[in-house]
Amino acid sequence: MGQIVMQHSEMNGPFSLTDTSAYQYWRKAKLDSYPIQASHLKVDVSNPYAICGREKSAITENLRKYNLSIYSISGHQDKTLVAELGNQFGMSRLDSNLCADEDSITSLQVIEGGRQKGYIPYSNRPLNWHTDGYYNTGSAQIRGMILHCVQDAAEGGDNFLLDHEMAYLLMRDEDPRMIKAMMAADAMTIPANEEAGEEIRPAQTGPVFSQDSSGNLHMRYTARKRNIEWKQDAATLDAVAFLEALLASESRYIFRYHLRPGEGLICNNVLHSRTTFTEDDEHKRLLYRARYYDRASDTDLKIEEG
């Protein structure tokens, strides 16, 4: 079994349970940014291979406030634009996951056979709430992601999005002991992945919430019911129940957005889900997904009390 080793909650800053003043200052600034609609997070990009300063600043500002931004591109559908977008936002270390293409960027589409068979992202079934790479090792945590739409389905396939910092804030306001439980090194275990009796990934145990070396909040989470083991203590189970209720609610902090061709999501691996969808002969859903070990640049936590 792998143990995911990350920074602990003893670090100073708003995500430390002992630094109340920093938390309150950060909390006010965070809440002052809301409410907002998902459409307000969209930035038109004229050239994805050379984003202009105004466009880049707008996307970066969204990432700073909400850890996510939506972009819209006209006439650029070449797959190379995904990697170029990532590079321009300081995201270059791609995660070559199990079903990724040779360039480490995954083509998400309905596939009925092969290695992808049985994995929900390659079907039209609803995809439950999660952060990407929640089963990765500690040295390979996913901190950034790009999801680019080439073709949407005939109907459905909407994404729900929730900034993981807001999930932290709402949980901490409800009961800080749940945050402490979610930061425990043994909070969540993802059992080993086996194919044809062979282990292709060992079990991974680690926290849900953690801080990186710059103090940024990271989250690894899945709402799956099977093939997951939660620490069996009251605080952890209360936290799990809290998250499930939040993600099933109509919270004003949850965004709903349907990506159209040429649109995409760039984020610091926020919580997300996807509704079921239907296809026809002219609408075969295809999205490119790039997972990174890097956060978007210029989005590190900055607390300036004054």
Protein backbone atom coordinates (compact mmCIF):
# COMPACT_ATOMS: atom_id res chain seq x y z
CA MET A 1 0.00 0.00 0.00
CA GLY A 2 1.26 3.47 -0.88
CA GLN A 3 1.22 6.28 1.66
CA ILE A 4 0.63 9.75 0.29
CA VAL A 5 2.94 12.10 2.18
CA MET A 6 2.07 15.80 1.98
CA GLN A 7 2.47 18.95 3.97
CA HIS A 8 0.54 18.99 7.23
CA SER A 9 -1.91 21.44 8.72
CA GLU A 10 0.75 22.85 11.10
CA MET A 11 1.87 25.25 8.35
CA ASN A 12 0.91 28.86 8.92
CA GLY A 13 -1.72 30.55 6.78
CA PRO A 14 -5.49 30.35 6.28
CA PHE A 15 -5.48 26.57 5.86
CA SER A 16 -3.87 26.00 9.24
CA LEU A 17 -6.37 25.33 12.02
CA THR A 18 -4.13 27.22 14.42
CA ASP A 19 -3.87 30.42 12.35
CA THR A 20 -7.31 31.86 12.98
CA SER A 21 -6.51 35.45 12.00
CA ALA A 22 -5.14 34.44 8.58
CA TYR A 23 -8.17 32.23 8.02
CA GLN A 24 -10.65 35.00 8.84
CA TYR A 25 -8.85 37.48 6.58
CA TRP A 26 -8.73 34.97 3.71
CA ARG A 27 -12.35 33.89 4.33
CA LYS A 28 -13.67 37.43 3.98
CA ALA A 29 -11.75 38.00 0.75
CA LYS A 30 -12.98 34.69 -0.64
CA LEU A 31 -16.63 35.31 0.16
CA ASP A 32 -16.44 38.87 -1.17
CA SER A 33 -15.79 37.37 -4.63
CA TYR A 34 -19.19 35.64 -4.67
CA PRO A 35 -21.86 35.27 -5.91
CA ILE A 36 -20.95 34.91 -9.57
CA GLN A 37 -22.32 32.96 -12.54
CA ALA A 38 -20.28 30.48 -14.55
CA SER A 39 -20.74 32.58 -17.70
CA HIS A 40 -18.87 35.42 -15.97
CA LEU A 41 -15.80 33.19 -15.81
CA LYS A 42 -15.50 32.91 -19.60
CA VAL A 43 -12.66 34.67 -21.40
CA ASP A 44 -12.49 34.92 -25.20
CA VAL A 45 -9.04 33.91 -26.47
CA SER A 46 -8.03 35.10 -29.94
CA ASN A 47 -4.92 32.92 -30.33
CA PRO A 48 -4.34 30.00 -27.94
CA TYR A 49 -0.71 29.71 -29.10
CA ALA A 50 0.08 33.29 -28.06
CA ILE A 51 -2.41 34.54 -25.49
CA CYS A 52 -2.37 38.31 -25.21
CA GLY A 53 -1.70 40.04 -21.90
CA ARG A 54 -5.30 41.13 -21.33
CA GLU A 55 -6.68 37.64 -21.93
CA LYS A 56 -4.04 35.99 -19.78
CA SER A 57 -4.62 38.46 -16.94
CA ALA A 58 -8.37 37.79 -17.02
CA ILE A 59 -7.90 34.00 -16.88
CA THR A 60 -5.28 34.30 -14.13
CA GLU A 61 -7.56 36.54 -12.07
CA ASN A 62 -10.33 33.93 -12.30
CA LEU A 63 -7.87 31.26 -11.22
CA ARG A 64 -6.75 33.35 -8.26
CA LYS A 65 -10.30 33.96 -7.06
CA TYR A 66 -12.05 30.71 -7.98
CA ASN A 67 -9.25 28.29 -8.97
CA LEU A 68 -10.92 27.92 -12.37
CA SER A 69 -11.62 29.78 -15.59
CA ILE A 70 -13.43 29.04 -18.82
CA TYR A 71 -11.99 30.08 -22.16
CA SER A 72 -13.48 30.28 -25.65
CA ILE A 73 -11.49 29.89 -28.88
CA SER A 74 -12.70 30.37 -32.46
CA GLY A 75 -11.31 28.21 -35.24
CA HIS A 76 -8.53 26.44 -33.32
CA GLN A 77 -9.18 22.74 -32.76
CA ASP A 78 -5.72 21.18 -33.19
CA LYS A 79 -4.85 19.03 -30.18
CA THR A 80 -1.51 20.76 -29.74
CA LEU A 81 -3.29 23.87 -28.47
CA VAL A 82 -3.98 22.12 -25.14
CA ALA A 83 -0.30 21.66 -24.31
CA GLU A 84 0.46 25.18 -25.56
CA LEU A 85 -2.21 26.62 -23.28
CA GLY A 86 -0.77 24.74 -20.33
CA ASN A 87 2.76 25.98 -21.04
CA GLN A 88 1.60 29.59 -21.11
CA PHE A 89 0.14 29.17 -17.62
CA GLY A 90 3.18 27.44 -16.18
CA MET A 91 1.74 23.94 -16.43
CA SER A 92 4.16 21.65 -18.24
CA ARG A 93 4.56 18.46 -16.20
CA LEU A 94 1.91 16.25 -17.74
CA ASP A 95 0.59 13.17 -15.97
CA SER A 96 0.67 10.21 -18.33
CA ASN A 97 -2.18 8.28 -16.75
CA LEU A 98 -3.32 4.78 -17.60
CA CYS A 99 -5.58 5.61 -20.56
CA ALA A 100 -3.82 8.73 -21.84
CA ASP A 101 -2.76 9.09 -25.47
CA GLU A 102 0.90 8.90 -26.48
CA ASP A 103 1.27 12.65 -25.91
CA SER A 104 -0.01 12.21 -22.33
CA ILE A 105 -3.20 14.13 -23.21
CA THR A 106 -6.36 12.03 -22.96
CA SER A 107 -9.08 11.89 -25.61
CA LEU A 108 -12.31 11.58 -23.65
CA GLN A 109 -14.97 9.92 -25.79
CA VAL A 110 -17.30 6.96 -25.66
CA ILE A 111 -15.21 3.80 -26.11
CA GLU A 112 -16.91 0.44 -25.74
CA GLY A 113 -13.87 -1.83 -25.80
CA GLY A 114 -10.19 -1.99 -24.98
CA ARG A 115 -8.51 -0.82 -21.78
CA GLN A 116 -11.05 2.01 -21.38
CA LYS A 117 -13.96 -0.42 -21.09
CA GLY A 118 -15.55 -0.14 -17.68
CA TYR A 119 -14.13 3.30 -16.91
CA ILE A 120 -16.96 5.84 -16.64
CA PRO A 121 -15.08 8.77 -18.28
CA TYR A 122 -15.16 6.75 -21.53
CA SER A 123 -18.91 6.21 -21.40
CA ASN A 124 -21.99 8.44 -21.51
CA ARG A 125 -22.86 7.66 -17.92
CA PRO A 126 -22.90 10.40 -15.26
CA LEU A 127 -19.51 11.04 -13.69
CA ASN A 128 -19.69 11.59 -9.95
CA TRP A 129 -17.93 14.37 -8.05
CA HIS A 130 -14.15 14.06 -7.78
CA THR A 131 -10.83 15.76 -8.19
CA ASP A 132 -8.57 14.31 -10.85
CA GLY A 133 -5.86 11.84 -9.86
CA TYR A 134 -7.21 11.12 -6.38
CA TYR A 135 -5.58 7.69 -6.68
CA ASN A 136 -2.12 9.04 -7.62
CA THR A 137 0.94 8.73 -5.41
CA GLY A 138 2.04 11.63 -3.24
CA SER A 139 4.78 12.69 -5.65
CA ALA A 140 2.36 12.71 -8.59
CA GLN A 141 -0.59 14.69 -7.25
CA ILE A 142 -2.65 16.48 -9.88
CA ARG A 143 -2.66 20.21 -9.19
CA GLY A 144 -3.75 21.58 -12.56
CA MET A 145 -6.03 20.48 -15.38
CA ILE A 146 -7.26 21.59 -18.80
CA LEU A 147 -10.46 20.18 -20.32
CA HIS A 148 -10.98 21.25 -23.94
CA CYS A 149 -14.18 20.57 -25.90
CA VAL A 150 -13.80 19.59 -29.57
CA GLN A 151 -17.38 18.34 -30.00
CA ASP A 152 -20.22 18.27 -27.51
CA ALA A 153 -22.97 15.65 -27.34
CA ALA A 154 -26.41 16.04 -28.87
CA GLU A 155 -27.83 16.48 -25.39
CA GLY A 156 -26.43 16.58 -21.85
CA GLY A 157 -22.83 16.32 -20.70
CA ASP A 158 -22.95 19.39 -18.46
CA ASN A 159 -20.18 19.94 -15.94
CA PHE A 160 -20.68 20.94 -12.31
CA LEU A 161 -17.73 22.76 -10.75
CA LEU A 162 -16.87 23.68 -7.17
CA ASP A 163 -13.74 25.46 -6.04
CA HIS A 164 -12.14 23.12 -3.49
CA GLU A 165 -11.25 26.13 -1.32
CA MET A 166 -14.97 26.85 -0.95
CA ALA A 167 -15.57 23.26 0.11
CA TYR A 168 -12.86 23.74 2.75
CA LEU A 169 -14.34 27.07 3.91
CA LEU A 170 -17.87 25.73 4.26
CA MET A 171 -16.69 22.63 6.11
CA ARG A 172 -14.44 24.58 8.47
CA ASP A 173 -17.28 26.99 9.28
CA GLU A 174 -19.50 24.02 10.04
CA ASP A 175 -17.02 22.19 12.28
CA PRO A 176 -13.20 22.52 12.28
CA ARG A 177 -12.83 18.99 13.64
CA MET A 178 -13.98 17.72 10.25
CA ILE A 179 -11.13 19.61 8.59
CA LYS A 180 -8.66 18.07 11.03
CA ALA A 181 -10.02 14.63 10.14
CA MET A 182 -9.76 15.32 6.42
CA MET A 183 -6.14 16.37 6.84
CA ALA A 184 -5.21 13.12 8.56
CA ALA A 185 -2.65 11.01 6.72
CA ASP A 186 -4.98 8.00 6.78
CA ALA A 187 -8.28 9.72 5.98
CA MET A 188 -8.96 8.09 2.60
CA THR A 189 -7.68 4.92 0.95
CA ILE A 190 -8.17 4.01 -2.68
CA PRO A 191 -7.72 0.23 -3.03
CA ALA A 192 -5.31 -1.23 -5.55
CA ASN A 193 -6.33 -1.31 -9.21
CA GLU A 194 -6.13 -4.75 -10.77
CA GLU A 195 -6.57 -5.93 -14.34
CA ALA A 196 -6.81 -9.63 -15.16
CA GLY A 197 -5.52 -10.47 -11.70
CA GLU A 198 -2.46 -8.23 -12.02
CA GLU A 199 -1.93 -5.20 -9.81
CA ILE A 200 -1.33 -2.16 -12.02
CA ARG A 201 -1.56 0.40 -9.20
CA PRO A 202 -1.12 -0.22 -5.47
CA ALA A 203 -3.54 1.06 -2.86
CA GLN A 204 -3.04 4.73 -1.99
CA THR A 205 -3.72 6.17 1.46
CA GLY A 206 -3.57 9.86 2.27
CA PRO A 207 -5.40 13.03 3.30
CA VAL A 208 -8.27 14.75 1.53
CA PHE A 209 -7.09 18.29 2.31
CA SER A 210 -3.40 19.19 2.42
CA GLN A 211 -1.07 22.11 1.75
CA ASP A 212 1.75 22.27 -0.74
CA SER A 213 5.11 23.85 0.00
CA SER A 214 3.73 27.31 -0.86
CA GLY A 215 0.75 26.92 1.46
CA ASN A 216 -1.79 26.37 -1.32
CA LEU A 217 -4.70 24.06 -0.55
CA HIS A 218 -4.83 20.74 -2.37
CA MET A 219 -7.72 18.29 -2.37
CA ARG A 220 -7.97 14.63 -3.37
CA TYR A 221 -11.53 13.36 -3.24
CA THR A 222 -14.03 11.06 -4.88
CA ALA A 223 -17.72 10.61 -4.15
CA ARG A 224 -17.61 7.01 -5.37
CA LYS A 225 -19.30 4.52 -3.09
CA ARG A 226 -17.42 1.40 -4.09
CA ASN A 227 -13.67 0.76 -4.05
CA ILE A 228 -12.97 3.41 -1.45
CA GLU A 229 -12.12 3.09 2.23
CA TRP A 230 -12.75 5.93 4.67
CA LYS A 231 -11.20 6.07 8.10
CA GLN A 232 -13.87 4.78 10.45
CA ASP A 233 -13.99 7.50 13.09
CA ALA A 234 -16.84 9.91 13.81
CA ALA A 235 -15.16 13.11 12.56
CA THR A 236 -14.13 11.57 9.23
CA LEU A 237 -17.56 10.07 8.60
CA ASP A 238 -19.21 13.37 9.51
CA ALA A 239 -16.94 15.13 7.02
CA VAL A 240 -17.78 12.61 4.30
CA ALA A 241 -21.50 13.12 4.95
CA PHE A 242 -21.04 16.90 4.90
CA LEU A 243 -19.32 16.81 1.51
CA GLU A 244 -21.94 14.49 0.07
CA ALA A 245 -24.74 16.81 1.20
CA LEU A 246 -22.94 19.90 -0.11
CA LEU A 247 -22.27 18.37 -3.53
CA ALA A 248 -25.89 17.19 -3.82
CA SER A 249 -27.23 20.63 -2.93
CA GLU A 250 -28.06 23.68 -5.04
CA SER A 251 -25.36 25.73 -3.36
CA ARG A 252 -24.72 29.09 -4.99
CA TYR A 253 -21.02 28.21 -4.96
CA ILE A 254 -21.51 25.33 -7.40
CA PHE A 255 -21.21 26.31 -11.06
CA ARG A 256 -22.97 24.48 -13.88
CA TYR A 257 -21.59 24.87 -17.38
CA HIS A 258 -21.96 23.13 -20.74
CA LEU A 259 -18.73 23.27 -22.73
CA ARG A 260 -19.30 24.04 -26.39
CA PRO A 261 -16.84 23.27 -29.21
CA GLY A 262 -13.83 25.54 -28.83
CA GLU A 263 -14.45 26.13 -25.14
CA GLY A 264 -12.44 24.74 -22.30
CA LEU A 265 -11.82 24.70 -18.59
CA ILE A 266 -8.47 25.53 -17.02
CA CYS A 267 -8.26 24.98 -13.27
CA ASN A 268 -6.23 24.14 -10.20
CA ASN A 269 -7.94 20.71 -10.05
CA VAL A 270 -11.25 21.82 -8.57
CA LEU A 271 -14.07 19.47 -7.68
CA HIS A 272 -16.10 18.55 -10.75
CA SER A 273 -18.72 16.15 -12.08
CA ARG A 274 -20.54 15.48 -15.36
CA THR A 275 -24.14 14.68 -16.24
CA THR A 276 -25.13 11.84 -18.55
CA PHE A 277 -25.35 12.60 -22.26
CA THR A 278 -26.75 11.26 -25.53
CA GLU A 279 -25.08 11.31 -28.93
CA ASP A 280 -26.26 11.19 -32.54
CA ASP A 281 -24.46 10.76 -35.86
CA GLU A 282 -23.41 14.42 -35.95
CA HIS A 283 -22.64 14.91 -32.28
CA LYS A 284 -20.05 12.46 -30.96
CA ARG A 285 -18.70 13.98 -27.77
CA LEU A 286 -14.92 14.51 -27.73
CA LEU A 287 -12.91 16.40 -25.14
CA TYR A 288 -9.16 16.58 -24.58
CA ARG A 289 -7.99 16.39 -20.97
CA ALA A 290 -4.54 17.35 -19.76
CA ARG A 291 -3.55 16.64 -16.15
CA TYR A 292 -0.60 18.43 -14.60
CA TYR A 293 1.57 18.14 -11.52
CA ASP A 294 1.70 21.97 -11.60
CA ARG A 295 -0.72 24.65 -10.46
CA ALA A 296 -1.37 27.51 -12.83
CA SER A 297 1.36 30.12 -12.50
CA ASP A 298 0.80 33.33 -10.51
CA THR A 299 -2.00 31.74 -8.50
CA ASP A 300 -0.10 30.84 -5.34
CA LEU A 301 -1.69 31.82 -2.07
CA LYS A 302 -1.05 35.45 -1.11
CA ILE A 303 -2.34 36.92 2.12
CA GLU A 304 -1.69 40.60 2.59
CA GLU A 305 -3.31 41.88 5.75
CA GLY A 306 -3.51 45.63 6.03
